[in-house]
N, C-alpha and C. Protein backbone atom coordinates (compact mmCIF):
# COMPACT_ATOMS: atom_id res chain seq x y z
N UNK A 1 45.55 -2.02 -5.75
CA UNK A 1 44.96 -3.06 -4.87
C UNK A 1 44.48 -4.74 -5.75
N UNK A 2 45.10 -5.04 -4.21
CA UNK A 2 45.56 -6.33 -4.90
C UNK A 2 44.09 -7.21 -3.41
N UNK A 3 42.85 -8.10 -4.17
CA UNK A 3 41.67 -8.41 -2.82
C UNK A 3 41.83 -9.77 -3.55
N UNK A 4 42.40 -11.08 -2.33
CA UNK A 4 42.24 -12.30 -2.37
C UNK A 4 40.91 -12.72 -2.40
N UNK A 5 39.87 -13.93 -2.56
CA UNK A 5 39.15 -13.76 -2.21
C UNK A 5 39.06 -15.70 -3.09
N UNK A 6 38.21 -15.45 -2.40
CA UNK A 6 37.68 -17.48 -2.53
C UNK A 6 35.83 -16.72 -2.13
N UNK A 7 35.29 -17.60 -3.54
CA UNK A 7 33.98 -17.57 -4.04
C UNK A 7 33.23 -17.49 -2.69
N UNK A 8 31.29 -16.14 -2.60
CA UNK A 8 31.51 -17.00 -1.61
C UNK A 8 31.84 -16.50 -0.14
N UNK A 9 32.67 -16.73 0.01
CA UNK A 9 33.14 -16.71 1.17
C UNK A 9 33.06 -15.40 2.06
N UNK A 10 33.67 -15.13 2.97
CA UNK A 10 33.59 -13.76 3.80
C UNK A 10 33.82 -12.52 3.15
N UNK A 11 35.33 -13.37 1.75
CA UNK A 11 35.41 -12.58 1.47
C UNK A 11 35.28 -11.55 0.10
N UNK A 12 34.12 -12.14 0.55
CA UNK A 12 32.84 -11.28 -0.50
C UNK A 12 32.70 -9.61 0.03
N UNK A 13 32.73 -9.81 1.42
CA UNK A 13 32.33 -8.39 1.98
C UNK A 13 33.83 -7.45 1.32
N UNK A 14 35.18 -7.60 1.83
CA UNK A 14 35.25 -5.90 0.86
C UNK A 14 35.05 -6.13 -1.04
N UNK A 15 35.07 -7.22 -1.86
CA UNK A 15 34.56 -7.35 -2.69
C UNK A 15 33.46 -5.81 -2.84
N UNK A 16 32.85 -6.38 -3.09
CA UNK A 16 31.43 -5.44 -2.06
C UNK A 16 31.14 -4.02 -1.91
N UNK A 17 32.84 -4.36 -1.01
CA UNK A 17 32.80 -2.46 -0.64
C UNK A 17 33.78 -1.65 -1.41
N UNK A 18 34.05 -2.57 -2.96
CA UNK A 18 35.66 -1.76 -3.52
C UNK A 18 35.53 -1.56 -4.15
N UNK A 19 33.51 -1.69 -4.94
CA UNK A 19 32.90 -1.68 -5.37
C UNK A 19 32.04 -0.46 -6.14
N UNK A 20 31.32 0.07 -4.51
CA UNK A 20 30.67 0.51 -4.08
C UNK A 20 31.88 0.99 -3.77
N UNK A 21 32.83 1.38 -3.80
CA UNK A 21 33.87 2.77 -3.32
C UNK A 21 34.02 3.27 -4.59
N UNK A 22 34.27 1.84 -5.48
CA UNK A 22 34.39 2.53 -6.77
C UNK A 22 36.40 2.74 -6.88
N UNK A 23 36.67 2.16 -6.37
CA UNK A 23 38.07 2.29 -5.72
C UNK A 23 38.66 1.19 -7.57
N UNK A 24 40.36 1.01 -7.39
CA UNK A 24 40.63 0.39 -8.41
C UNK A 24 41.04 -0.48 -7.79
N UNK A 25 40.73 -1.92 -8.38
CA UNK A 25 41.58 -3.12 -7.11
C UNK A 25 41.60 -4.84 -8.37
N UNK A 26 42.22 -5.84 -7.96
CA UNK A 26 42.93 -6.46 -9.25
C UNK A 26 42.20 -7.42 -7.67
N UNK A 27 40.90 -8.12 -8.61
CA UNK A 27 40.84 -9.52 -7.77
C UNK A 27 41.39 -10.77 -7.88
N UNK A 28 41.91 -11.52 -6.78
CA UNK A 28 42.67 -13.02 -7.23
C UNK A 28 42.03 -14.21 -6.06
N UNK A 29 41.65 -14.83 -7.47
CA UNK A 29 40.96 -16.09 -7.20
C UNK A 29 41.80 -16.97 -6.14
N UNK A 30 41.92 -17.43 -4.92
CA UNK A 30 42.13 -19.03 -4.88
C UNK A 30 41.37 -19.57 -4.20
N UNK A 31 42.24 -20.94 -3.88
CA UNK A 31 41.01 -22.29 -3.61
C UNK A 31 40.98 -22.58 -2.11
N UNK A 32 40.60 -22.09 -1.96
CA UNK A 32 40.71 -22.12 0.46
C UNK A 32 41.00 -23.42 0.81
N UNK A 33 40.56 -25.05 -0.30
CA UNK A 33 41.54 -26.21 0.18
C UNK A 33 43.03 -26.19 -0.20
N UNK A 34 43.89 -26.01 -0.98
CA UNK A 34 44.65 -25.58 -1.64
C UNK A 34 44.94 -24.49 -1.05
N UNK A 35 45.45 -23.83 -1.43
CA UNK A 35 45.73 -22.63 -1.12
C UNK A 35 46.48 -21.92 -2.59
N UNK A 36 45.92 -23.00 -3.77
CA UNK A 36 46.78 -22.62 -5.07
C UNK A 36 46.01 -20.67 -5.76
N UNK A 37 46.50 -19.76 -4.96
CA UNK A 37 46.03 -18.29 -6.13
C UNK A 37 45.92 -19.03 -7.84
N UNK A 38 44.57 -18.98 -8.27
CA UNK A 38 44.21 -18.57 -10.15
C UNK A 38 45.42 -18.52 -10.70
N UNK A 39 45.85 -17.48 -10.36
CA UNK A 39 47.16 -16.63 -11.91
C UNK A 39 47.99 -16.94 -11.80
N UNK A 40 48.50 -18.48 -10.09
CA UNK A 40 49.72 -18.82 -10.16
C UNK A 40 50.22 -17.92 -8.61
N UNK A 41 50.45 -19.13 -7.86
CA UNK A 41 51.57 -19.08 -6.67
C UNK A 41 50.89 -18.76 -5.42
N UNK A 42 51.20 -19.69 -4.04
CA UNK A 42 51.35 -19.76 -3.03
C UNK A 42 50.10 -19.40 -2.65
N UNK A 43 48.97 -18.99 -2.19
CA UNK A 43 48.59 -17.68 -0.82
C UNK A 43 48.90 -17.89 0.33
N UNK A 44 49.31 -18.77 0.60
CA UNK A 44 50.13 -18.73 2.16
C UNK A 44 51.42 -17.32 2.13
N UNK A 45 52.23 -17.41 0.90
CA UNK A 45 52.89 -16.62 0.84
C UNK A 45 52.23 -14.89 0.98
N UNK A 46 51.19 -14.97 0.62
CA UNK A 46 50.98 -13.72 0.80
C UNK A 46 50.47 -13.58 2.96
N UNK A 47 49.72 -14.24 3.41
CA UNK A 47 48.82 -14.10 4.07
C UNK A 47 49.01 -15.92 4.80
N UNK A 48 49.75 -15.81 5.90
CA UNK A 48 50.44 -16.94 6.22
C UNK A 48 49.77 -17.73 6.52
N UNK A 49 48.18 -17.78 8.08
CA UNK A 49 47.56 -17.95 7.30
C UNK A 49 46.65 -19.10 7.49
N UNK A 50 46.16 -18.03 5.79
CA UNK A 50 45.41 -19.05 4.62
C UNK A 50 44.37 -18.77 4.24
N UNK A 51 44.37 -17.72 4.87
CA UNK A 51 42.05 -17.51 5.42
C UNK A 51 41.88 -15.70 4.04
N UNK A 52 40.97 -16.15 3.80
CA UNK A 52 40.11 -14.81 3.42
C UNK A 52 39.60 -13.83 4.57
N UNK A 53 39.59 -12.61 3.88
CA UNK A 53 39.73 -12.29 2.63
C UNK A 53 41.47 -11.69 3.78
N UNK A 54 42.06 -10.44 2.18
CA UNK A 54 43.27 -10.45 2.39
C UNK A 54 43.21 -8.93 1.66
N UNK A 55 43.87 -7.99 1.82
CA UNK A 55 44.29 -7.31 0.74
C UNK A 55 45.70 -6.78 1.09
N UNK A 56 46.01 -6.32 -0.01
CA UNK A 56 47.39 -6.05 -0.19
C UNK A 56 47.91 -4.40 -1.43
N UNK A 57 47.52 -3.42 -0.18
CA UNK A 57 48.05 -2.02 -1.22
C UNK A 57 48.63 -1.82 -2.40
N UNK A 58 48.90 -0.79 -2.04
CA UNK A 58 49.40 0.16 -3.67
C UNK A 58 50.95 -0.47 -3.17
N UNK A 59 50.63 0.19 -1.35
CA UNK A 59 52.66 -0.55 -1.38
C UNK A 59 53.20 -0.23 -0.74
N UNK A 60 52.26 -2.26 -0.86
CA UNK A 60 52.36 -3.64 -0.29
C UNK A 60 51.93 -3.51 1.03
N UNK A 61 51.44 -2.41 1.46
CA UNK A 61 51.24 -2.88 2.82
C UNK A 61 49.75 -3.88 2.58
N UNK A 62 49.85 -5.19 3.86
CA UNK A 62 48.32 -6.61 3.43
C UNK A 62 48.19 -6.36 4.34
N UNK A 63 46.56 -5.55 4.58
CA UNK A 63 45.07 -6.04 5.33
C UNK A 63 44.72 -7.11 5.61
N UNK A 64 44.75 -8.15 6.38
CA UNK A 64 43.11 -8.58 6.73
C UNK A 64 42.40 -8.03 7.71
N UNK A 65 40.92 -9.39 7.66
CA UNK A 65 40.05 -9.17 8.55
C UNK A 65 39.09 -8.39 8.05
N UNK A 66 38.40 -8.98 7.36
CA UNK A 66 37.44 -8.56 6.89
C UNK A 66 36.91 -6.95 6.58
N UNK A 67 35.90 -6.58 8.55
CA UNK A 67 36.08 -5.48 9.07
C UNK A 67 36.74 -4.71 8.73
N UNK A 68 37.67 -4.58 9.85
CA UNK A 68 38.85 -3.90 8.93
C UNK A 68 38.78 -3.11 7.99
N UNK A 69 39.00 -4.51 6.61
CA UNK A 69 39.37 -3.76 5.67
C UNK A 69 38.55 -2.65 5.66
N UNK A 70 37.34 -3.65 5.54
CA UNK A 70 36.06 -2.98 4.37
C UNK A 70 35.76 -0.93 5.61
N UNK A 71 35.95 -1.48 6.41
CA UNK A 71 36.06 0.58 7.45
C UNK A 71 37.61 1.40 6.27
N UNK A 72 39.02 0.62 6.50
CA UNK A 72 39.82 0.68 5.49
C UNK A 72 38.60 1.55 4.16
N UNK A 73 38.58 0.76 3.44
CA UNK A 73 38.25 1.17 2.29
C UNK A 73 36.78 2.50 2.18
N UNK A 74 36.29 1.74 2.78
CA UNK A 74 35.61 3.29 2.94
C UNK A 74 35.80 4.58 3.15
N UNK A 75 36.47 4.88 4.13
CA UNK A 75 37.28 6.03 4.79
C UNK A 75 38.39 6.16 3.05
N UNK A 76 38.88 5.52 2.45
CA UNK A 76 38.75 5.85 1.52
C UNK A 76 37.92 6.78 0.63
N UNK A 77 36.78 7.36 1.00
CA UNK A 77 35.98 8.15 -0.65
C UNK A 77 34.99 8.01 0.89
N UNK A 78 34.55 9.10 1.61
CA UNK A 78 34.38 10.11 2.56
C UNK A 78 32.79 9.65 1.93
N UNK A 79 32.57 10.17 0.67
CA UNK A 79 31.64 11.56 0.29
C UNK A 79 31.06 10.30 -0.08
N UNK A 80 31.58 8.87 0.06
CA UNK A 80 30.18 7.50 -0.06
C UNK A 80 28.73 7.67 0.33
N UNK A 81 30.00 7.65 1.84
CA UNK A 81 29.09 7.21 2.77
C UNK A 81 28.25 5.97 3.29
N UNK A 82 29.79 5.17 4.08
CA UNK A 82 29.47 3.63 3.44
C UNK A 82 29.95 3.79 4.65
N UNK A 83 30.24 4.48 6.06
CA UNK A 83 30.96 4.25 7.03
C UNK A 83 30.33 5.42 7.68
N UNK A 84 29.59 5.40 9.21
CA UNK A 84 30.46 7.26 9.61
C UNK A 84 31.48 7.43 9.78
N UNK A 85 31.82 8.72 9.93
CA UNK A 85 32.59 9.14 10.82
C UNK A 85 33.32 9.01 11.64
N UNK A 86 35.08 8.44 11.60
CA UNK A 86 35.50 8.46 12.79
C UNK A 86 34.83 9.52 14.22
N UNK A 87 35.11 9.07 15.37
CA UNK A 87 34.97 9.16 16.97
C UNK A 87 33.61 9.98 16.69
N UNK A 88 32.58 9.45 16.24
CA UNK A 88 31.28 9.36 16.51
C UNK A 88 30.89 8.12 17.37
N UNK A 89 29.51 8.25 17.42
CA UNK A 89 29.05 7.39 18.11
C UNK A 89 28.28 6.02 17.82
N UNK A 90 27.78 6.63 15.59
CA UNK A 90 27.69 6.26 14.89
C UNK A 90 29.20 4.99 14.81
N UNK A 91 30.20 5.42 13.84
CA UNK A 91 31.03 4.17 14.01
C UNK A 91 31.26 3.52 14.31
N UNK A 92 30.95 3.69 16.27
CA UNK A 92 31.21 2.82 17.01
C UNK A 92 29.87 1.85 16.91
N UNK A 93 28.79 2.00 17.03
CA UNK A 93 27.37 1.68 16.67
C UNK A 93 28.05 0.23 15.26
N UNK A 94 28.74 0.61 14.57
CA UNK A 94 28.96 0.02 13.27
C UNK A 94 29.95 -0.60 13.79
N UNK A 95 31.22 -0.99 13.66
CA UNK A 95 31.42 -1.71 14.96
C UNK A 95 31.42 -2.50 15.44
N UNK A 96 30.29 -1.90 16.25
CA UNK A 96 29.52 -2.80 16.95
C UNK A 96 28.56 -4.52 16.11
N UNK A 97 28.43 -3.86 14.74
CA UNK A 97 27.82 -4.39 14.60
C UNK A 97 28.46 -5.76 13.59
N UNK A 98 29.46 -5.57 13.52
CA UNK A 98 30.44 -5.43 12.23
C UNK A 98 31.33 -6.96 12.88
N UNK A 99 31.69 -6.73 14.32
CA UNK A 99 32.44 -8.13 15.34
C UNK A 99 30.75 -8.82 15.51
N UNK A 100 30.19 -8.52 15.70
CA UNK A 100 28.76 -9.16 16.04
C UNK A 100 27.99 -10.41 14.66
N UNK A 101 28.45 -9.77 13.93
CA UNK A 101 28.83 -10.72 12.52
C UNK A 101 29.40 -12.00 12.15
N UNK A 102 30.81 -10.97 13.01
CA UNK A 102 32.76 -11.57 12.80
C UNK A 102 32.13 -12.31 13.90
N UNK A 103 31.73 -12.56 15.22
CA UNK A 103 32.13 -13.82 16.12
C UNK A 103 30.97 -14.12 16.35
N UNK A 104 29.78 -13.33 16.07
CA UNK A 104 28.10 -14.57 16.76
C UNK A 104 27.46 -14.45 15.30
N UNK A 105 27.64 -14.28 14.08
CA UNK A 105 26.86 -14.86 13.28
C UNK A 105 28.27 -15.36 12.41
N UNK A 106 29.22 -15.26 12.18
CA UNK A 106 30.67 -15.98 11.45
C UNK A 106 30.38 -16.98 12.04
N UNK A 107 31.76 -17.29 12.26
CA UNK A 107 32.53 -18.26 13.92
C UNK A 107 31.72 -18.60 15.11
N UNK A 108 30.78 -17.45 15.60
CA UNK A 108 29.61 -18.44 16.60
C UNK A 108 28.75 -19.05 16.24
N UNK A 109 28.49 -19.26 14.63
CA UNK A 109 27.03 -19.37 14.34
C UNK A 109 26.92 -20.38 13.41
N UNK A 110 27.24 -19.67 12.17
CA UNK A 110 27.77 -20.65 11.06
C UNK A 110 29.16 -21.25 10.73
N UNK A 111 29.75 -20.79 10.50
CA UNK A 111 31.14 -22.18 10.52
C UNK A 111 30.41 -22.71 11.43
N UNK A 112 30.87 -23.86 12.44
CA UNK A 112 30.73 -24.88 13.01
C UNK A 112 29.85 -26.08 11.86
N UNK A 113 28.53 -25.47 11.74
CA UNK A 113 27.22 -25.99 10.96
C UNK A 113 27.61 -26.10 9.61
N UNK A 114 29.78 -25.82 8.74
CA UNK A 114 29.88 -26.38 7.84
C UNK A 114 31.16 -27.75 8.25
N UNK A 115 31.09 -27.66 9.15
CA UNK A 115 32.46 -28.05 10.02
C UNK A 115 31.54 -30.35 9.49
N UNK A 116 32.37 -31.69 8.65
CA UNK A 116 31.54 -32.69 9.39
C UNK A 116 31.77 -34.29 10.20
N UNK A 117 33.20 -32.99 11.18
CA UNK A 117 32.97 -33.76 12.52
C UNK A 117 31.95 -33.41 13.97
N UNK A 118 31.09 -32.75 13.06
CA UNK A 118 30.79 -32.11 14.53
C UNK A 118 29.17 -33.54 13.75
N UNK A 119 28.62 -33.80 15.04
CA UNK A 119 27.63 -34.67 15.32
C UNK A 119 26.77 -34.02 15.26
N UNK A 120 25.40 -33.61 15.01
CA UNK A 120 24.07 -33.44 15.16
C UNK A 120 23.87 -32.66 16.29
N UNK A 121 23.39 -33.23 16.99
CA UNK A 121 24.04 -32.32 18.39
C UNK A 121 24.43 -31.49 18.48
N UNK A 122 26.19 -31.59 18.58
CA UNK A 122 25.83 -30.33 19.12
C UNK A 122 25.90 -29.39 18.17
N UNK A 123 25.39 -29.03 16.13
CA UNK A 123 24.87 -28.56 15.67
C UNK A 123 24.02 -27.63 16.35
N UNK A 124 23.22 -27.90 16.34
CA UNK A 124 21.91 -27.82 17.42
C UNK A 124 22.35 -26.87 18.49
N UNK A 125 23.29 -27.24 18.76
CA UNK A 125 23.09 -25.52 19.90
C UNK A 125 23.34 -24.45 19.18
N UNK A 126 24.51 -25.18 18.08
CA UNK A 126 24.57 -23.33 16.94
C UNK A 126 23.42 -22.89 16.40
N UNK A 127 22.96 -23.99 15.91
CA UNK A 127 20.72 -23.45 15.00
C UNK A 127 20.04 -22.94 16.14
N UNK A 128 20.80 -23.08 16.62
CA UNK A 128 19.80 -22.40 17.45
C UNK A 128 20.59 -20.91 18.85
N UNK A 129 21.71 -21.19 18.51
CA UNK A 129 22.24 -19.65 18.73
C UNK A 129 22.02 -18.33 17.39
N UNK A 130 22.39 -19.80 16.55
CA UNK A 130 21.27 -18.73 15.41
C UNK A 130 20.44 -18.09 15.34
N UNK A 131 19.55 -18.78 15.75
CA UNK A 131 17.56 -18.30 15.79
C UNK A 131 17.68 -17.18 16.49
N UNK A 132 18.09 -17.53 17.84
CA UNK A 132 17.79 -16.29 18.90
C UNK A 132 19.20 -14.69 18.28
N UNK A 133 20.15 -15.04 17.84
CA UNK A 133 20.63 -13.88 16.27
C UNK A 133 19.72 -12.79 15.73
N UNK A 134 19.31 -14.46 15.05
CA UNK A 134 18.47 -13.69 13.73
C UNK A 134 17.29 -13.29 14.54
N UNK A 135 16.96 -13.63 15.39
CA UNK A 135 15.33 -12.93 15.77
C UNK A 135 15.94 -11.54 16.32
N UNK A 136 16.83 -11.34 16.79
CA UNK A 136 17.52 -10.53 17.19
C UNK A 136 17.29 -9.33 16.25
N UNK A 137 17.76 -9.60 14.93
CA UNK A 137 18.66 -8.48 13.86
C UNK A 137 17.14 -8.21 12.96
N UNK A 138 16.14 -9.11 13.04
CA UNK A 138 15.05 -8.75 12.46
C UNK A 138 13.74 -8.33 13.43
N UNK A 139 13.69 -8.20 15.09
CA UNK A 139 13.14 -6.98 15.44
C UNK A 139 13.97 -5.76 15.39
N UNK A 140 15.07 -6.07 14.94
CA UNK A 140 16.22 -4.14 14.73
C UNK A 140 15.20 -3.83 13.28
N UNK A 141 15.34 -4.88 12.79
CA UNK A 141 14.70 -4.08 11.59
C UNK A 141 13.51 -4.15 11.15
N UNK A 142 12.35 -3.86 12.07
CA UNK A 142 11.01 -3.99 12.61
C UNK A 142 10.79 -2.90 12.46
N UNK A 143 12.40 -1.85 13.26
CA UNK A 143 12.58 -0.24 13.15
C UNK A 143 13.28 0.08 12.16
N UNK A 144 14.75 -0.29 11.41
CA UNK A 144 15.80 0.37 11.27
C UNK A 144 15.00 -0.51 9.75
N UNK A 145 15.50 1.16 8.87
CA UNK A 145 15.66 0.26 7.57
C UNK A 145 17.25 -0.50 7.03
N UNK A 146 17.85 0.73 7.65
CA UNK A 146 19.46 -0.29 7.64
C UNK A 146 20.05 -0.94 8.50
N UNK A 147 21.27 -0.92 9.52
CA UNK A 147 21.38 -1.37 10.43
C UNK A 147 21.98 -0.53 11.07
N UNK A 148 22.51 0.55 10.30
CA UNK A 148 23.57 2.11 11.77
C UNK A 148 22.72 3.16 10.90
N UNK A 149 21.58 4.28 11.19
CA UNK A 149 21.49 5.48 11.32
C UNK A 149 20.25 5.00 9.47
N UNK A 150 20.18 5.89 8.99
CA UNK A 150 19.06 5.78 7.59
C UNK A 150 19.53 5.49 6.40
N UNK A 151 21.05 5.00 6.06
CA UNK A 151 21.34 4.50 5.34
C UNK A 151 22.70 3.69 5.10
N UNK A 152 22.69 2.74 4.23
CA UNK A 152 23.30 1.43 3.77
C UNK A 152 24.52 2.10 3.72
N UNK A 153 25.18 1.02 4.73
CA UNK A 153 26.63 0.83 4.99
C UNK A 153 27.54 0.05 5.17
N UNK A 154 28.80 -0.58 5.61
CA UNK A 154 29.52 -1.27 4.60
C UNK A 154 28.87 -2.58 5.77
N UNK A 155 27.92 -2.16 6.91
CA UNK A 155 27.44 -3.02 7.86
C UNK A 155 26.74 -4.19 7.37
N UNK A 156 25.21 -3.57 6.58
CA UNK A 156 24.97 -4.25 5.56
C UNK A 156 24.99 -4.77 4.89
N UNK A 157 26.17 -4.92 4.04
CA UNK A 157 27.21 -5.82 3.45
C UNK A 157 27.44 -7.10 3.65
N UNK A 158 28.27 -6.67 4.86
CA UNK A 158 28.71 -7.78 6.34
C UNK A 158 27.23 -8.61 6.50
N UNK A 159 26.13 -7.84 6.58
CA UNK A 159 24.93 -9.21 7.01
C UNK A 159 24.47 -10.00 5.35
N UNK A 160 24.71 -8.38 5.01
CA UNK A 160 23.61 -9.82 3.44
C UNK A 160 24.78 -11.02 2.77
N UNK A 161 26.79 -10.80 3.70
CA UNK A 161 27.46 -11.61 2.62
C UNK A 161 26.91 -13.18 4.03
N UNK A 162 27.06 -12.97 5.50
CA UNK A 162 27.22 -14.64 6.05
C UNK A 162 25.39 -14.86 6.32
N UNK A 163 24.70 -14.05 5.95
CA UNK A 163 23.16 -14.56 5.67
C UNK A 163 23.65 -15.44 4.35
N UNK A 164 24.22 -14.82 3.20
CA UNK A 164 24.20 -15.59 2.28
C UNK A 164 23.92 -17.47 2.39
N UNK A 165 25.17 -17.39 4.11
CA UNK A 165 25.02 -18.82 4.02
C UNK A 165 24.00 -20.04 4.27
N UNK A 166 22.74 -19.45 4.83
CA UNK A 166 21.67 -20.26 4.85
C UNK A 166 20.87 -21.63 4.42
N UNK A 167 21.45 -21.32 3.06
CA UNK A 167 21.25 -22.40 2.52
C UNK A 167 21.61 -23.38 2.29
N UNK A 168 23.19 -23.07 2.15
CA UNK A 168 24.32 -23.70 2.19
C UNK A 168 24.47 -25.14 3.36
N UNK A 169 23.78 -24.61 4.72
CA UNK A 169 23.68 -25.57 5.87
C UNK A 169 22.08 -25.49 6.45
N UNK A 170 20.85 -25.41 5.36
CA UNK A 170 19.90 -25.70 5.48
C UNK A 170 19.10 -25.13 6.87
N UNK A 171 19.62 -23.66 7.37
CA UNK A 171 19.35 -22.82 7.96
C UNK A 171 17.55 -21.53 6.96
N UNK A 172 16.30 -21.97 8.06
CA UNK A 172 15.27 -21.27 7.74
C UNK A 172 15.38 -19.77 7.67
N UNK A 173 15.11 -19.30 7.16
CA UNK A 173 16.00 -17.67 7.18
C UNK A 173 14.04 -17.69 6.80
N UNK A 174 13.09 -17.92 5.68
CA UNK A 174 11.50 -17.30 6.52
C UNK A 174 11.65 -16.92 7.30
N UNK A 175 11.23 -17.27 7.99
CA UNK A 175 11.10 -16.71 9.67
C UNK A 175 10.89 -15.58 10.13
N UNK A 176 12.69 -14.90 9.33
CA UNK A 176 12.39 -13.45 9.23
C UNK A 176 11.97 -12.45 8.53
N UNK A 177 11.28 -12.61 8.58
CA UNK A 177 10.58 -11.92 7.77
C UNK A 177 11.04 -10.16 7.20
N UNK A 178 11.49 -9.94 7.74
CA UNK A 178 11.78 -8.11 8.43
C UNK A 178 13.50 -8.90 7.38
N UNK A 179 14.41 -9.62 7.89
CA UNK A 179 15.43 -10.09 7.98
C UNK A 179 15.43 -10.14 6.01
N UNK A 180 14.92 -11.15 5.80
CA UNK A 180 14.38 -11.73 4.25
C UNK A 180 14.24 -10.65 3.13
N UNK A 181 13.37 -9.31 4.05
CA UNK A 181 12.71 -8.28 2.60
C UNK A 181 15.00 -7.03 3.27
N UNK A 182 15.11 -7.01 4.20
CA UNK A 182 16.42 -6.43 3.82
C UNK A 182 17.98 -6.64 2.64
N UNK A 183 17.63 -8.25 3.16
CA UNK A 183 18.13 -8.72 1.91
C UNK A 183 17.99 -8.56 0.38
N UNK A 184 16.81 -9.30 0.57
CA UNK A 184 16.76 -8.51 -1.29
C UNK A 184 16.87 -6.83 -1.94
N UNK A 185 16.72 -6.01 -0.19
CA UNK A 185 16.91 -4.76 -1.10
C UNK A 185 18.76 -4.65 -1.27
N UNK A 186 18.77 -5.00 -0.77
CA UNK A 186 20.36 -5.37 -0.66
C UNK A 186 20.93 -5.39 -1.58
N UNK A 187 20.32 -6.52 -1.67
CA UNK A 187 21.18 -7.96 -3.55
C UNK A 187 20.28 -6.88 -4.11
N UNK A 188 20.37 -5.61 -4.31
CA UNK A 188 19.48 -5.06 -5.23
C UNK A 188 20.98 -4.65 -5.92
N UNK A 189 21.63 -3.81 -5.30
CA UNK A 189 22.34 -3.38 -4.99
C UNK A 189 23.88 -3.62 -6.19
N UNK A 190 23.41 -2.61 -7.25
CA UNK A 190 24.48 -2.35 -8.25
C UNK A 190 25.76 -3.45 -7.65
N UNK A 191 26.59 -2.58 -6.94
CA UNK A 191 28.02 -3.38 -6.61
C UNK A 191 27.16 -4.89 -5.98
N UNK A 192 26.70 -4.87 -5.19
CA UNK A 192 26.65 -6.05 -4.27
C UNK A 192 26.32 -7.51 -5.90
N UNK A 193 25.68 -6.92 -6.75
CA UNK A 193 25.30 -7.56 -8.11
C UNK A 193 27.00 -7.88 -9.11
N UNK A 194 27.33 -7.17 -9.24
CA UNK A 194 28.36 -7.01 -9.65
C UNK A 194 29.26 -7.75 -9.20
N UNK A 195 29.53 -7.78 -7.44
CA UNK A 195 30.48 -8.77 -6.47
C UNK A 195 29.87 -10.59 -7.24
N UNK A 196 28.74 -10.37 -6.95
CA UNK A 196 28.48 -12.52 -6.86
C UNK A 196 28.65 -12.82 -9.07
N UNK A 197 28.70 -11.05 -9.31
CA UNK A 197 28.55 -11.72 -10.97
C UNK A 197 31.14 -12.26 -11.00
N UNK A 198 30.65 -11.25 -10.43
CA UNK A 198 32.36 -11.87 -10.77
C UNK A 198 33.24 -12.86 -10.06
N UNK A 199 32.14 -13.02 -9.18
CA UNK A 199 33.26 -14.48 -7.92
C UNK A 199 31.94 -16.01 -8.73
N UNK A 200 31.05 -15.36 -9.66
CA UNK A 200 30.50 -16.51 -10.58
C UNK A 200 29.27 -17.83 -9.61
N UNK A 201 28.54 -16.15 -8.76
CA UNK A 201 28.01 -16.26 -7.73
C UNK A 201 25.96 -16.08 -7.93
N UNK A 202 26.09 -16.20 -9.48
CA UNK A 202 24.10 -15.74 -10.76
C UNK A 202 24.34 -17.06 -11.33
N UNK A 203 23.35 -17.52 -10.36
CA UNK A 203 22.58 -17.36 -8.99
C UNK A 203 23.34 -17.82 -8.48
N UNK A 204 23.01 -18.01 -7.31
CA UNK A 204 23.10 -18.05 -6.36
C UNK A 204 23.92 -19.71 -5.96
N UNK A 205 24.92 -20.61 -5.33
CA UNK A 205 25.28 -21.48 -6.21
C UNK A 205 24.34 -22.27 -4.30
N UNK A 206 23.86 -23.24 -4.91
CA UNK A 206 22.82 -24.25 -3.85
C UNK A 206 23.91 -25.47 -2.15
N UNK A 207 25.56 -24.82 -3.29
CA UNK A 207 26.74 -25.61 -2.09
C UNK A 207 27.58 -24.60 -2.65
N UNK A 208 28.30 -24.58 -0.97
CA UNK A 208 29.92 -23.70 -2.13
C UNK A 208 30.07 -23.94 -2.63
N UNK A 209 30.38 -23.23 -3.64
CA UNK A 209 31.82 -23.17 -4.97
C UNK A 209 33.39 -24.46 -4.57
């Protein structure tokens, strides 16, 4: 398998999960701005939309969208318990969290804060949204060590990745004590540290690479 990634972006999620799964893969770094693949080539020839992540399977099948990719990876190694079994309510809860992080935290929260063309007044709208959603997450984590069930899943990795961006847009996580402790616990996992090191993110940079 080939994983196409840009350091610190949403592609860090499948990068972590591939390490968790212990599956063989090749990681190929791209420049998010120029779409040039570090090893050579134009990433748009892989994914015409130009954004990461993308996972190319050994038979040439292209998978995009992080939540779909990590569920595929998790199902390849059911013994790792990275996702609840299909056709269970816990799997639906997992999918709910994955969608929440993609829509409410990533696209509907952090992404607009990176855009230079949005005035500060507009950005405050998205900061307020993030505050409400992080308060919701903090409350959930008061009675749950992990997001789904009693153990670590790909949802926890997803939350770790998107919450990493807080420091890049000056969004303060300190009011959310349970979120901070959850991040610290997930950040100590061997697979997480391996993916961060592979992407050159140890220590985590103060601004996007």
